[in-house]
Each structure stands twice: as C-alpha cells, then as structure tokens.
Protein backbone atom coordinates (compact mmCIF):
# COMPACT_ATOMS: atom_id res chain seq x y z
CA MET A 1 2.64 -1.28 -35.20
CA SER A 2 2.61 0.58 -38.50
CA SER A 3 -0.32 2.35 -40.11
CA THR A 4 -1.85 -0.47 -42.16
CA VAL A 5 -5.24 -1.29 -43.67
CA PHE A 6 -6.75 -4.69 -42.92
CA ASP A 7 -9.95 -6.38 -43.98
CA VAL A 8 -10.97 -6.83 -40.34
CA ALA A 9 -9.81 -5.35 -37.04
CA VAL A 10 -10.81 -7.49 -34.05
CA VAL A 11 -10.78 -5.65 -30.74
CA GLY A 12 -10.10 -8.26 -28.06
CA GLY A 13 -7.99 -11.38 -28.35
CA SER A 14 -9.68 -13.72 -25.90
CA LEU A 15 -11.83 -16.69 -26.97
CA ALA A 16 -14.41 -14.94 -29.17
CA GLY A 17 -11.84 -12.67 -30.80
CA SER A 18 -9.36 -15.47 -31.43
CA ALA A 19 -12.01 -17.81 -32.85
CA ALA A 20 -13.26 -15.07 -35.19
CA ALA A 21 -9.74 -14.13 -36.27
CA ALA A 22 -8.77 -17.75 -36.96
CA ALA A 23 -11.89 -18.41 -39.06
CA LEU A 24 -11.46 -15.16 -40.99
CA ALA A 25 -7.80 -15.85 -41.68
CA ARG A 26 -8.66 -19.36 -42.89
CA GLY A 27 -11.18 -17.73 -45.23
CA GLY A 28 -8.49 -15.52 -46.76
CA ALA A 29 -9.16 -12.23 -44.97
CA SER A 30 -6.38 -10.03 -43.59
CA VAL A 31 -7.02 -9.74 -39.86
CA VAL A 32 -5.45 -7.83 -37.00
CA VAL A 33 -6.30 -8.56 -33.36
CA LEU A 34 -5.84 -5.78 -30.83
CA GLU A 35 -5.68 -7.06 -27.25
CA ARG A 36 -5.17 -4.62 -24.38
CA ALA A 37 -3.66 -7.23 -22.02
CA SER A 38 -0.58 -9.40 -22.26
CA PHE A 39 -1.12 -13.16 -22.36
CA PRO A 40 -1.07 -15.28 -20.33
CA ARG A 41 -3.12 -13.40 -17.77
CA PRO A 42 -5.54 -14.57 -15.08
CA LYS A 43 -9.23 -13.99 -15.68
CA ILE A 44 -12.33 -14.62 -13.59
CA CYS A 45 -14.18 -17.52 -15.13
CA GLY A 46 -15.86 -20.77 -14.19
CA CYS A 47 -13.38 -22.39 -16.63
CA PHE A 48 -15.88 -24.91 -18.07
CA LEU A 49 -15.32 -25.86 -21.69
CA SER A 50 -18.42 -27.75 -22.82
CA HIS A 51 -18.39 -30.33 -25.60
CA GLU A 52 -20.14 -28.13 -28.17
CA ALA A 53 -17.02 -25.95 -28.50
CA LEU A 54 -14.69 -28.81 -29.36
CA PRO A 55 -15.36 -28.68 -33.14
CA VAL A 56 -14.35 -25.00 -33.11
CA LEU A 57 -11.09 -25.91 -31.40
CA GLU A 58 -10.61 -28.69 -33.93
CA ARG A 59 -10.83 -26.17 -36.76
CA MET A 60 -8.43 -23.90 -34.87
CA ALA A 61 -6.04 -26.89 -34.74
CA ILE A 62 -5.65 -26.87 -30.96
CA ARG A 63 -7.71 -29.92 -30.07
CA ASN A 64 -4.55 -32.02 -29.85
CA GLU A 65 -2.87 -29.41 -27.65
CA LEU A 66 -5.82 -29.65 -25.27
CA ARG A 67 -5.25 -33.38 -25.00
CA ASN A 68 -1.74 -32.65 -23.76
CA GLU A 69 -3.00 -30.39 -21.01
CA THR A 70 -3.80 -31.74 -17.56
CA ALA A 71 -7.31 -30.29 -17.70
CA GLU A 72 -9.90 -31.85 -15.43
CA THR A 73 -12.78 -33.75 -17.04
CA ILE A 74 -15.95 -32.98 -15.10
CA ALA A 75 -18.93 -35.29 -15.35
CA ARG A 76 -20.89 -34.43 -12.18
CA PHE A 77 -22.02 -31.30 -10.38
CA ALA A 78 -23.44 -30.47 -6.98
CA LEU A 79 -25.61 -27.57 -5.85
CA VAL A 80 -25.38 -26.63 -2.16
CA THR A 81 -27.45 -24.12 -0.21
CA ALA A 82 -25.98 -22.05 2.61
CA GLY A 83 -27.94 -24.27 4.99
CA GLY A 84 -26.07 -27.32 3.71
CA ARG A 85 -28.78 -28.92 1.58
CA ARG A 86 -26.99 -30.61 -1.30
CA VAL A 87 -28.24 -32.07 -4.57
CA GLU A 88 -25.98 -33.79 -7.06
CA SER A 89 -26.34 -35.12 -10.58
CA ASP A 90 -24.48 -36.07 -13.74
CA LEU A 91 -23.90 -33.40 -16.35
CA PRO A 92 -25.66 -33.98 -19.69
CA ALA A 93 -22.16 -34.39 -21.19
CA PRO A 94 -18.69 -34.10 -19.65
CA VAL A 95 -16.87 -30.76 -19.77
CA LEU A 96 -13.20 -29.86 -19.60
CA SER A 97 -12.04 -27.56 -16.82
CA LEU A 98 -9.13 -25.43 -18.00
CA SER A 99 -8.00 -22.02 -16.77
CA ARG A 100 -8.70 -19.01 -18.94
CA ALA A 101 -5.03 -18.02 -18.73
CA ARG A 102 -4.14 -21.26 -20.52
CA LEU A 103 -7.06 -21.51 -22.95
CA ASP A 104 -6.86 -17.86 -24.00
CA SER A 105 -3.15 -18.27 -24.74
CA LEU A 106 -3.74 -21.43 -26.77
CA SER A 107 -6.54 -19.78 -28.77
CA ALA A 108 -4.61 -16.59 -29.51
CA ALA A 109 -1.56 -18.56 -30.63
CA ALA A 110 -3.78 -20.67 -32.90
CA ALA A 111 -5.26 -17.56 -34.55
CA GLU A 112 -1.76 -16.27 -35.20
CA ARG A 113 -0.63 -19.57 -36.71
CA GLN A 114 -3.62 -19.50 -39.04
CA GLY A 115 -2.67 -16.09 -40.37
CA ALA A 116 -4.03 -13.36 -38.07
CA ARG A 117 -1.72 -10.63 -36.79
CA LEU A 118 -1.89 -10.25 -33.01
CA HIS A 119 -0.84 -7.23 -30.98
CA PHE A 120 -0.83 -7.46 -27.18
CA SER A 121 -0.77 -4.50 -24.79
CA ALA A 122 -2.63 -2.68 -27.57
CA ALA A 123 -5.51 -0.86 -25.93
CA VAL A 124 -7.82 0.77 -28.47
CA GLN A 125 -8.18 4.44 -27.61
CA SER A 126 -10.78 5.39 -30.18
CA PHE A 127 -12.29 4.47 -33.51
CA GLU A 128 -14.39 6.11 -36.18
CA GLY A 129 -15.94 5.22 -39.50
CA ASN A 130 -18.57 2.93 -40.97
CA LEU A 131 -18.99 -0.09 -43.19
CA ARG A 132 -19.30 1.95 -46.37
CA GLU A 133 -16.15 4.01 -45.91
CA GLY A 134 -14.14 1.81 -43.59
CA PHE A 135 -12.86 2.38 -40.05
CA ARG A 136 -9.88 4.10 -38.50
CA VAL A 137 -8.73 2.64 -35.20
CA LYS A 138 -6.37 4.50 -32.90
CA VAL A 139 -4.03 2.50 -30.67
CA ALA A 140 -1.17 3.94 -28.61
CA GLY A 141 1.54 4.80 -31.11
CA ALA A 142 -0.38 3.72 -34.19
CA ASP A 143 -3.36 4.34 -36.41
CA LEU A 144 -4.74 1.56 -38.60
CA GLY A 145 -7.59 1.03 -41.02
CA ALA A 146 -10.09 -1.79 -41.49
CA ARG A 147 -13.13 -2.46 -43.65
CA VAL A 148 -14.89 -4.21 -40.74
CA LEU A 149 -14.60 -3.59 -37.00
CA LEU A 150 -15.45 -6.56 -34.76
CA GLY A 151 -15.88 -5.94 -31.03
CA ALA A 152 -14.77 -8.87 -28.88
CA TRP A 153 -13.76 -6.80 -25.87
CA GLY A 154 -15.78 -8.65 -23.25
CA ARG A 155 -18.66 -7.86 -20.98
CA TYR A 156 -17.87 -4.22 -20.17
CA SER A 157 -15.51 -1.70 -21.78
CA PRO A 158 -15.16 2.06 -22.22
CA LEU A 159 -15.72 1.30 -25.91
CA ASP A 160 -19.32 0.38 -25.01
CA GLY A 161 -19.66 3.94 -23.78
CA ARG A 162 -18.34 5.30 -27.07
CA LEU A 163 -21.10 3.34 -28.81
CA SER A 164 -23.73 4.67 -26.35
CA ARG A 165 -24.82 1.17 -25.41
CA PRO A 166 -27.67 1.45 -22.86
CA PHE A 167 -26.33 -0.95 -20.22
CA PHE A 168 -23.07 1.01 -19.92
CA ARG A 169 -24.72 3.75 -17.83
CA GLN A 170 -26.85 1.42 -15.72
CA GLU A 171 -26.08 0.90 -12.07
CA PRO A 172 -24.38 -2.51 -11.76
CA SER A 173 -26.12 -5.12 -9.64
CA LEU A 174 -23.47 -7.84 -9.93
CA PHE A 175 -19.70 -8.27 -9.93
CA GLY A 176 -17.52 -11.33 -10.31
CA PHE A 177 -14.56 -12.25 -8.15
CA GLY A 178 -12.18 -15.15 -8.29
CA LYS A 179 -9.14 -16.81 -6.84
CA GLN A 180 -7.12 -19.99 -7.37
CA LEU A 181 -6.59 -22.29 -4.40
CA THR A 182 -3.84 -24.80 -3.76
CA GLY A 183 -3.79 -27.86 -1.55
CA ASP A 184 -5.64 -31.15 -1.54
CA GLY A 185 -8.38 -30.74 -4.11
CA SER A 186 -8.99 -34.45 -4.61
CA ARG A 187 -12.59 -34.06 -3.45
CA PHE A 188 -13.21 -32.21 -6.73
CA ALA A 189 -11.98 -35.02 -8.95
CA GLY A 190 -14.41 -35.17 -11.87
CA ARG A 191 -16.95 -32.82 -10.27
CA ALA A 192 -17.84 -29.18 -9.77
CA VAL A 193 -19.70 -27.67 -6.83
CA LEU A 194 -21.84 -24.53 -6.73
CA HIS A 195 -22.39 -23.03 -3.27
CA LEU A 196 -25.23 -20.55 -2.82
CA PHE A 197 -24.93 -17.79 -0.24
CA ASP A 198 -26.75 -14.60 0.64
CA GLY A 199 -26.02 -12.31 -2.30
CA GLY A 200 -24.69 -14.74 -4.88
CA TYR A 201 -22.95 -18.03 -5.51
CA LEU A 202 -19.47 -19.42 -6.01
CA GLY A 203 -18.22 -22.37 -8.01
CA LEU A 204 -15.33 -24.70 -7.20
CA SER A 205 -13.62 -27.03 -9.65
CA ARG A 206 -10.14 -28.27 -10.49
CA VAL A 207 -8.26 -26.95 -13.49
CA GLU A 208 -4.93 -28.02 -14.98
CA GLY A 209 -2.28 -29.03 -12.49
CA GLY A 210 -4.82 -29.88 -9.81
CA VAL A 211 -5.32 -26.25 -8.79
CA VAL A 212 -8.84 -25.45 -7.56
CA ASN A 213 -10.55 -22.55 -9.31
CA LEU A 214 -12.95 -20.41 -7.26
CA ALA A 215 -15.20 -18.13 -9.28
CA ALA A 216 -18.10 -16.17 -7.81
CA LEU A 217 -20.86 -13.86 -8.95
CA ALA A 218 -22.31 -11.63 -6.27
CA THR A 219 -23.87 -8.32 -5.33
CA PRO A 220 -21.64 -5.21 -5.10
CA ARG A 221 -21.70 -5.51 -1.29
CA VAL A 222 -20.19 -8.99 -1.35
CA ALA A 223 -17.73 -8.20 -4.15
CA LYS A 224 -16.52 -5.14 -2.26
CA ALA A 225 -15.94 -7.28 0.81
CA ALA A 226 -13.97 -9.76 -1.32
CA HIS A 227 -11.80 -6.97 -2.71
CA HIS A 228 -11.22 -5.45 0.72
CA ASP A 229 -10.37 -8.69 2.56
CA PHE A 230 -10.89 -11.95 0.69
CA ASP A 231 -9.75 -14.13 3.59
CA GLU A 232 -12.20 -12.45 5.96
CA LEU A 233 -15.07 -12.87 3.49
CA LEU A 234 -14.22 -16.52 2.92
CA GLY A 235 -14.06 -17.07 6.68
CA ARG A 236 -17.48 -15.52 7.12
CA LEU A 237 -19.00 -17.58 4.31
CA LYS A 238 -17.54 -20.75 5.80
CA THR A 239 -19.04 -19.88 9.17
CA GLU A 240 -22.43 -19.37 7.55
CA SER A 241 -22.11 -22.59 5.52
CA PRO A 242 -20.48 -25.61 7.16
CA ALA A 243 -20.76 -27.42 3.81
CA LEU A 244 -18.58 -24.76 2.18
CA ALA A 245 -16.11 -25.03 5.05
CA VAL A 246 -15.80 -28.76 4.38
CA ASP A 247 -15.22 -28.22 0.67
CA LEU A 248 -12.53 -25.60 1.37
CA GLU A 249 -10.74 -27.57 4.07
CA GLY A 250 -7.02 -27.87 3.34
CA LEU A 251 -7.13 -25.32 0.50
CA THR A 252 -5.28 -22.00 0.65
CA PRO A 253 -5.44 -19.04 -1.74
CA VAL A 254 -2.44 -18.63 -4.03
CA PRO A 255 -0.38 -15.51 -3.27
CA GLY A 256 -1.47 -12.36 -5.02
CA PRO A 257 -4.47 -10.06 -5.20
CA ILE A 258 -8.05 -11.22 -5.48
CA LEU A 259 -9.49 -10.79 -8.97
CA VAL A 260 -12.60 -8.59 -9.07
CA SER A 261 -14.39 -8.01 -12.36
CA GLU A 262 -15.86 -4.98 -14.01
CA PRO A 263 -19.67 -4.67 -13.66
CA VAL A 264 -21.62 -7.71 -14.89
CA HIS A 265 -24.86 -7.01 -16.76
CA LEU A 266 -26.45 -10.37 -17.53
CA GLY A 267 -28.51 -10.93 -20.64
CA LEU A 268 -28.51 -10.95 -24.41
CA ARG A 269 -27.51 -7.72 -26.15
CA PRO A 270 -27.75 -6.55 -29.75
CA ALA A 271 -24.90 -8.02 -31.79
CA VAL A 272 -24.59 -4.82 -33.83
CA ALA A 273 -24.00 -1.30 -32.48
CA GLY A 274 -24.06 1.26 -35.26
CA ASP A 275 -21.80 -0.34 -37.87
CA VAL A 276 -19.69 -2.27 -35.32
CA LEU A 277 -20.30 -6.02 -35.04
CA LEU A 278 -20.09 -7.69 -31.63
CA VAL A 279 -19.33 -11.22 -30.47
CA GLY A 280 -18.73 -13.10 -27.22
CA ASP A 281 -19.58 -11.33 -23.97
CA ALA A 282 -19.76 -8.02 -25.84
CA ALA A 283 -22.93 -9.40 -27.47
CA GLY A 284 -24.41 -10.73 -24.21
CA VAL A 285 -23.34 -12.20 -20.88
CA ILE A 286 -24.92 -15.57 -20.08
CA ASP A 287 -25.38 -16.67 -16.47
CA PRO A 288 -22.13 -18.28 -15.29
CA TYR A 289 -23.98 -21.13 -13.55
CA THR A 290 -24.72 -22.60 -17.00
CA GLY A 291 -21.05 -23.35 -17.61
CA THR A 292 -21.49 -22.48 -21.28
CA GLY A 293 -19.86 -19.05 -21.47
CA MET A 294 -16.55 -20.21 -22.94
CA ALA A 295 -18.23 -22.39 -25.54
CA LEU A 296 -20.61 -19.59 -26.52
CA ALA A 297 -17.68 -17.19 -26.95
CA LEU A 298 -15.90 -19.59 -29.31
CA LEU A 299 -19.07 -20.41 -31.23
CA SER A 300 -20.17 -16.79 -31.66
CA GLY A 301 -16.70 -15.68 -32.71
CA GLU A 302 -16.44 -18.34 -35.40
CA ALA A 303 -20.04 -17.77 -36.57
CA ALA A 304 -19.29 -14.10 -37.30
CA ALA A 305 -16.75 -15.06 -39.95
CA GLY A 306 -19.28 -16.24 -42.53
CA PRO A 307 -21.23 -12.97 -42.90
CA ILE A 308 -18.00 -10.95 -42.73
CA LEU A 309 -16.41 -12.92 -45.57
CA ASP A 310 -19.59 -12.55 -47.62
CA PHE A 311 -19.52 -8.78 -47.08
CA LEU A 312 -15.84 -8.52 -47.97
CA ALA A 313 -16.49 -10.49 -51.17
CA GLY A 314 -19.37 -8.19 -52.14
CA ARG A 315 -22.04 -10.83 -51.71
CA LEU A 316 -23.79 -8.72 -49.03
CA ASP A 317 -24.31 -4.99 -48.82
CA ALA A 318 -23.76 -3.24 -45.48
CA ASP A 319 -27.37 -3.39 -44.30
CA SER A 320 -27.86 -7.02 -45.30
CA PHE A 321 -24.55 -7.87 -43.68
CA LYS A 322 -25.60 -6.41 -40.32
CA ARG A 323 -28.98 -8.12 -40.45
CA GLU A 324 -27.40 -11.49 -41.25
CA HIS A 325 -24.89 -11.22 -38.41
CA ALA A 326 -27.59 -10.18 -35.92
CA ALA A 327 -29.91 -12.98 -37.02
CA ALA A 328 -27.13 -15.58 -36.81
CA HIS A 329 -26.27 -14.45 -33.29
CA ARG A 330 -29.89 -14.59 -32.14
CA SER A 331 -30.21 -18.07 -33.59
CA LEU A 332 -27.08 -19.21 -31.77
CA ALA A 333 -27.63 -17.49 -28.43
CA GLY A 334 -31.29 -16.53 -28.00
CA ARG A 335 -32.60 -19.85 -26.70
CA ARG A 336 -29.66 -20.30 -24.34
CA PHE A 337 -30.11 -16.86 -22.81
CA ALA A 338 -33.85 -17.30 -22.39
CA PHE A 339 -33.43 -20.50 -20.41
CA SER A 340 -30.51 -19.18 -18.35
CA ARG A 341 -32.68 -16.27 -17.23
CA LEU A 342 -35.56 -18.61 -16.43
CA PHE A 343 -33.53 -20.47 -13.78
CA ARG A 344 -31.61 -17.42 -12.51
CA SER A 345 -33.63 -16.83 -9.34
CA VAL A 346 -32.49 -20.14 -7.89
CA PHE A 347 -28.94 -18.83 -7.68
CA TYR A 348 -29.48 -15.48 -5.97
CA GLY A 349 -31.40 -16.44 -2.87
CA GLY A 350 -34.80 -15.78 -4.41
CA LEU A 351 -37.98 -17.61 -3.55
CA ALA A 352 -37.09 -20.47 -5.89
CA SER A 353 -33.93 -21.24 -3.91
CA ARG A 354 -36.06 -22.25 -0.89
CA PHE A 355 -37.38 -25.25 -2.77
CA ILE A 356 -34.02 -26.86 -3.46
CA GLY A 357 -34.39 -30.51 -2.58
CA PRO A 358 -34.40 -33.86 -4.33
CA ALA A 359 -36.31 -32.44 -7.29
CA ALA A 360 -33.62 -29.80 -7.84
CA ALA A 361 -31.06 -32.24 -9.24
CA PRO A 362 -32.99 -33.06 -12.42
CA LEU A 363 -34.12 -29.42 -12.60
CA ALA A 364 -30.53 -28.15 -12.47
CA ARG A 365 -29.45 -30.77 -15.00
CA LEU A 366 -32.28 -29.59 -17.27
CA ALA A 367 -31.10 -25.97 -16.92
CA VAL A 368 -27.60 -26.97 -17.97
CA ARG A 369 -28.87 -29.00 -20.93
CA LEU A 370 -31.25 -26.28 -22.16
CA THR A 371 -28.43 -23.71 -22.30
CA ARG A 372 -26.49 -25.95 -24.66
CA GLU A 373 -27.30 -27.36 -28.09
C-alpha cells in the first residue's frame, strides 16, 4: 500500500464501511477501505437482514447475488423463557437470514466493483489530523492521507480509546458469543427462536446451506463460561430449559473455537468524535433481539455519503458538515434505539420477563416493528 491521498479513508470494511464506500465511490469520491481482518471471516451476529436494507443492496448491485444464495427467509419468531413458556408470532415483514461471513464478503466486493480501494489485513495503528487540514492514517507498512476519516470499526476498538470515547473505559456488562451448528435444523424452517436464560438470551435460526446460527448476548459470567467450555455451558442451559434442549436436539457445534466478542455497550452514541465521523456499530449498538443491526449498519453507512460528498464539493464547511451528519444519524437511528431500550428488560431476566404470556406475542411483534421504519 503506497503513501496516497484519498478523499475518504473508511476504517472498517464490514457492512457500514462497505455501504459508505460504495455510495461515496458512486458519487465520484476517491475512497480507501482499511479492514483489519481478512474476508471471509466468521462474526457473531443474529444474521437477520430486514427488508428495509434491501434498497441499499440494490444500489450496491448485490440484490441479485442475494437471490442466488440459499439464505433462509424468516417470517415467524418465537420467544421462550427458561421455564418453557413459549409465545410465537409473525414478523411484521419477512427477513433474510444470511451469515455475516457471506454478507460481509458480498458487500466488500460490491464496494470494490463500484470504485473503492479495499485493503484487508490492514489494521490502523494511529491517525491524526482534522477536517480543515486533512488526516494522516498509519497502517503497517504504509502512511496515507485523506480529507475525511470515517470510522466503521464496529462496537469496540482501541481507536475508540484514541478518541477518548467515554464508554471505552466503562466496565463491560455484556458480551456476545456465537457458534454454528450442523445437523437437522428443519424445525427452524422459516422461523427464528429466542431463548431467555439467567444472564442473557440466545437466538437460533438457519442461514445459508441449512446451518443453524447460534448467537447470544450475556453477562460476563456466562460469556466466560462459554469461552472456557462451550459444550458444558450448553449442556447446563439445556438442563435448565427443556425447551432449549428440544430445539437443540440433533444439532452439533461445528469444529473450531467458540466466538466471543469484545465488550458490548448497548445504546446510541454520538456519530462524531472530534473531527472523525462514525457509522454502524461505532455510532451505537442496538439490542440484538430487534434483528435490525445489519440493516441499520447498511443504512447508516450509505446515509453518511451525502454529507461527505457535500463537504468534499465545498457545499458545507467543517462545522456544518459534522452537524448535518450527526443530525442525519439521529434521525435514522434515534427512534429505533429508544424503543429497543424500552423493551430491553424483557430479555435479561428482569421483572418484565415474568409476565411473558399470551400478551407477549403482540408485544414482541410491536417491539420488532418499532425498531424498523
């Protein structure tokens, strides 16, 4: 990677970063995407792609590729307590269930086809600068410049510490963990199931190829147990919840280590830190139970392109540019985050979870609808 100056450097090549890069490249900007990982790579995620993101994928020219995937179409969901009480309902609109390894790869390739330059295994070591003078970004073996720096590095990164973001020093209360399961997953045809347990919840759904995706959000105690011995934790949870045992019958974890995430700090965050713009999980982590995280990442990434292009063209000064980006992000995400927090206590064993019964099905369906547009 040579020392080059770009209009925009995007740090992170997952959904938000790829959507932003594709839209910027379509608008005529020179864009480089710096992704620390190599794609494809597994990632903890509920893997729900809700309908509101499909227009973004259409503009990225990968909607047809999605049709060729064997993604599961999910139209129903169930919510199950550890005691076995189950409520089930239709989703407000069907969603696609596709692994992040596959969707991230499709999105990054689309951004590259539309004109962005992608560099994998390119961990950003440091950056400096501002919107008036430009930025210098240091990557192993290279040093590049950019007029705009867009952070799409996910929910938690050492770069948050460099920006002195408040949540970075807070004690984490939640971690994610995940695993893919093979076997007879026919019981999950067209449906997803959320199982509540003491300290968190886990979701089960089929992704491409009929593999069952398990993704959980839990307290540090539970996540540590998952990391230490996933099979033992799963055995204990099945003992505590016969309903979970039934859903997992005949399924076995794929070989390989359990995936455990970095700390998860739920909630909306400022979309600007200093002169760095932020999108996707870097600008706020929505509750996974909503199933709208992937769509929000794509939407927020694409939405950032408009103000950036206006700034690059001189139609906005630096201060107006930051205000417009922050306002656009609040308009897109604020309502969704407010409602996701409102229903959060149901999913962590709080008082509200004791009242799960017949009335919970329409309530859960309402929660899903309110966190979408």
